[in-house]
Every structure is written in C-alpha cells, then in structure tokens.
N, C-alpha and C. Protein backbone atom coordinates (compact mmCIF):
# COMPACT_ATOMS: atom_id res chain seq x y z
N MET A 1 113.50 114.17 119.35
CA MET A 1 112.54 115.22 119.53
C MET A 1 112.03 115.74 118.17
N LEU A 2 112.91 115.84 117.20
CA LEU A 2 112.52 116.29 115.87
C LEU A 2 111.55 115.31 115.22
N GLN A 3 111.77 114.00 115.42
CA GLN A 3 110.88 112.97 114.88
C GLN A 3 109.47 113.12 115.44
N LYS A 4 109.36 113.37 116.74
CA LYS A 4 108.05 113.53 117.37
C LYS A 4 107.33 114.76 116.84
N HIS A 5 108.08 115.83 116.64
CA HIS A 5 107.49 117.06 116.11
C HIS A 5 106.98 116.84 114.68
N ALA A 6 107.77 116.17 113.86
CA ALA A 6 107.36 115.88 112.48
C ALA A 6 106.11 115.01 112.46
N ALA A 7 106.07 113.98 113.31
CA ALA A 7 104.90 113.09 113.38
C ALA A 7 103.66 113.86 113.83
N ALA A 8 103.82 114.78 114.76
CA ALA A 8 102.70 115.59 115.24
C ALA A 8 102.13 116.47 114.13
N LEU A 9 102.97 116.85 113.17
CA LEU A 9 102.53 117.64 112.03
C LEU A 9 101.92 116.80 110.92
N GLY A 10 101.92 115.47 111.10
CA GLY A 10 101.34 114.58 110.11
C GLY A 10 102.32 114.13 109.05
N LEU A 11 103.60 114.36 109.27
CA LEU A 11 104.62 113.94 108.30
C LEU A 11 105.06 112.52 108.59
N PHE A 12 105.40 111.78 107.55
CA PHE A 12 105.88 110.42 107.71
C PHE A 12 107.37 110.47 107.99
N THR A 13 107.81 109.85 109.08
CA THR A 13 109.20 109.95 109.51
C THR A 13 110.07 108.78 109.07
N LYS A 14 109.53 107.85 108.31
CA LYS A 14 110.25 106.70 107.75
C LYS A 14 110.88 105.80 108.81
N GLU A 15 110.33 105.80 110.01
CA GLU A 15 110.86 104.92 111.06
C GLU A 15 110.26 103.52 111.00
N ARG A 16 109.33 103.31 110.05
CA ARG A 16 108.67 102.02 109.87
C ARG A 16 108.21 101.91 108.43
N ASP A 17 107.78 100.71 108.04
CA ASP A 17 107.20 100.51 106.72
C ASP A 17 105.78 101.06 106.70
N LEU A 18 105.31 101.41 105.52
CA LEU A 18 103.92 101.84 105.37
C LEU A 18 103.01 100.64 105.61
N LEU A 19 101.84 100.88 106.18
CA LEU A 19 100.93 99.81 106.57
C LEU A 19 99.82 99.60 105.54
N ARG A 20 99.33 98.36 105.50
CA ARG A 20 98.18 97.98 104.68
C ARG A 20 97.40 96.92 105.44
N CYS A 21 96.11 97.14 105.58
CA CYS A 21 95.27 96.16 106.26
C CYS A 21 94.83 95.09 105.26
N PRO A 22 95.18 93.83 105.51
CA PRO A 22 94.79 92.76 104.59
C PRO A 22 93.30 92.43 104.67
N HIS A 23 92.62 92.92 105.68
CA HIS A 23 91.20 92.60 105.87
C HIS A 23 90.28 93.55 105.11
N CYS A 24 90.53 94.87 105.23
CA CYS A 24 89.62 95.83 104.58
C CYS A 24 90.28 96.61 103.45
N GLY A 25 91.60 96.51 103.30
CA GLY A 25 92.28 97.17 102.19
C GLY A 25 92.73 98.60 102.44
N LEU A 26 92.52 99.11 103.64
CA LEU A 26 93.02 100.46 103.97
C LEU A 26 94.54 100.42 103.92
N GLN A 27 95.15 101.40 103.27
CA GLN A 27 96.61 101.42 103.19
C GLN A 27 97.16 102.83 103.27
N GLU A 28 98.40 102.92 103.68
CA GLU A 28 99.08 104.20 103.83
C GLU A 28 99.93 104.52 102.61
N ASP A 29 100.16 105.80 102.43
CA ASP A 29 101.10 106.29 101.43
C ASP A 29 101.58 107.65 101.91
N VAL A 30 102.53 108.21 101.20
CA VAL A 30 103.07 109.52 101.53
C VAL A 30 102.96 110.39 100.29
N ASP A 31 102.43 111.62 100.47
CA ASP A 31 102.31 112.50 99.31
C ASP A 31 103.64 113.22 99.06
N VAL A 32 103.70 114.05 98.04
CA VAL A 32 104.95 114.70 97.65
C VAL A 32 105.49 115.65 98.70
N THR A 33 104.65 116.09 99.63
CA THR A 33 105.10 116.99 100.70
C THR A 33 105.57 116.24 101.93
N GLY A 34 105.45 114.88 101.91
CA GLY A 34 105.86 114.08 103.05
C GLY A 34 104.75 113.77 104.03
N ARG A 35 103.54 114.20 103.72
CA ARG A 35 102.39 113.94 104.60
C ARG A 35 101.91 112.51 104.44
N LEU A 36 101.62 111.89 105.57
CA LEU A 36 101.08 110.54 105.60
C LEU A 36 99.59 110.61 105.28
N LEU A 37 99.12 109.70 104.42
CA LEU A 37 97.70 109.64 104.11
C LEU A 37 97.27 108.18 104.01
N THR A 38 95.97 107.96 104.09
CA THR A 38 95.43 106.61 103.95
C THR A 38 94.33 106.64 102.89
N TYR A 39 94.20 105.52 102.20
CA TYR A 39 93.20 105.41 101.14
C TYR A 39 92.87 103.94 100.92
N PHE A 40 91.81 103.72 100.16
CA PHE A 40 91.43 102.37 99.76
C PHE A 40 91.84 102.17 98.32
N LYS A 41 92.20 100.98 97.97
CA LYS A 41 92.64 100.67 96.61
C LYS A 41 91.65 101.25 95.60
N GLY A 42 92.20 101.94 94.61
CA GLY A 42 91.38 102.56 93.58
C GLY A 42 90.95 103.98 93.89
N ARG A 43 91.21 104.45 95.11
CA ARG A 43 90.81 105.81 95.50
C ARG A 43 92.02 106.60 96.01
N ARG A 44 93.16 106.41 95.42
CA ARG A 44 94.43 106.98 95.86
C ARG A 44 94.38 108.49 96.06
N GLN A 45 93.64 109.22 95.23
CA GLN A 45 93.66 110.66 95.29
C GLN A 45 92.95 111.25 96.50
N LYS A 46 92.20 110.46 97.24
CA LYS A 46 91.45 111.00 98.38
C LYS A 46 91.89 110.37 99.70
N ASP A 47 92.40 111.20 100.61
CA ASP A 47 92.80 110.75 101.94
C ASP A 47 91.55 110.49 102.78
N THR A 48 91.49 109.32 103.42
CA THR A 48 90.33 109.00 104.25
C THR A 48 90.35 109.73 105.58
N GLY A 49 91.54 110.16 106.02
CA GLY A 49 91.67 110.79 107.33
C GLY A 49 91.84 109.78 108.45
N LEU A 50 91.69 108.49 108.13
CA LEU A 50 91.87 107.44 109.13
C LEU A 50 93.36 107.20 109.34
N ARG A 51 93.77 106.89 110.56
CA ARG A 51 95.17 106.63 110.86
C ARG A 51 95.29 105.36 111.69
N PHE A 52 96.24 104.52 111.31
CA PHE A 52 96.52 103.31 112.07
C PHE A 52 97.08 103.71 113.44
N ARG A 53 96.74 102.94 114.45
CA ARG A 53 97.20 103.23 115.81
C ARG A 53 98.15 102.14 116.27
N ARG A 54 99.27 102.53 116.82
CA ARG A 54 100.26 101.57 117.30
C ARG A 54 99.78 100.93 118.59
N LEU A 55 99.81 99.60 118.61
CA LEU A 55 99.48 98.85 119.83
C LEU A 55 100.73 98.54 120.64
N ASN A 56 101.80 98.17 119.93
CA ASN A 56 103.10 97.90 120.55
C ASN A 56 104.17 98.00 119.46
N GLN A 57 105.37 97.55 119.71
CA GLN A 57 106.47 97.69 118.75
C GLN A 57 106.22 96.96 117.43
N GLN A 58 105.41 95.90 117.45
CA GLN A 58 105.22 95.10 116.23
C GLN A 58 103.78 95.00 115.76
N ALA A 59 102.86 95.62 116.43
CA ALA A 59 101.46 95.48 116.05
C ALA A 59 100.77 96.84 115.95
N TRP A 60 99.87 96.93 114.97
CA TRP A 60 99.09 98.13 114.73
C TRP A 60 97.62 97.76 114.69
N PHE A 61 96.77 98.74 114.88
CA PHE A 61 95.32 98.58 114.92
C PHE A 61 94.72 99.33 113.73
N CYS A 62 93.93 98.65 112.91
CA CYS A 62 93.28 99.29 111.78
C CYS A 62 92.08 100.11 112.27
N PRO A 63 92.02 101.39 111.92
CA PRO A 63 90.92 102.23 112.40
C PRO A 63 89.57 101.95 111.75
N ARG A 64 89.58 101.24 110.64
CA ARG A 64 88.33 100.96 109.94
C ARG A 64 87.68 99.66 110.38
N CYS A 65 88.46 98.57 110.36
CA CYS A 65 87.86 97.26 110.66
C CYS A 65 88.33 96.69 112.00
N GLN A 66 89.16 97.40 112.72
CA GLN A 66 89.68 97.02 114.02
C GLN A 66 90.58 95.78 114.00
N ALA A 67 91.11 95.43 112.83
CA ALA A 67 92.01 94.27 112.72
C ALA A 67 93.37 94.63 113.35
N LYS A 68 94.00 93.64 113.90
CA LYS A 68 95.35 93.79 114.45
C LYS A 68 96.33 93.41 113.34
N ILE A 69 97.27 94.28 113.03
CA ILE A 69 98.20 94.09 111.93
C ILE A 69 99.61 93.98 112.47
N HIS A 70 100.33 92.95 112.03
CA HIS A 70 101.71 92.74 112.50
C HIS A 70 102.71 93.12 111.44
C-alpha cells in the first residue's frame, strides 16, 4: 500500500529499472527528492512530463513514439 501511495505522488519506488526508449531517446531518471522524471538526451534539466505506461509485467509503452519496450 505504501508503494502505491508513493507512486501516486510521482515518486520512484525502485521496483523496476529506469526506462529508455531506443527509438526516440526518451528516458527516465530520478531527481534528488525521489521524483521520477523523463527527458531527452542533452536536455536533462527539463522534465517532459511524459510517463511510460506499463502494458504488462515485462513491457512498457513509450508515450512519445508509441514504441513497445521490453
């Protein structure tokens, strides 16, 4: 229950590896407060606001280019 609450607040719960889309370069990182953010290579300081969506236990959906990431 605590993990779900933390995720709802936008915190990274470390239950998985950070994601990176090999097609468009969108990638995740965590700031010093534990908040999950996404950015494109070279633009680390600005969060895009885009979030990867889980499709199943092993696959994610890129919100920018719609690629399926395993």
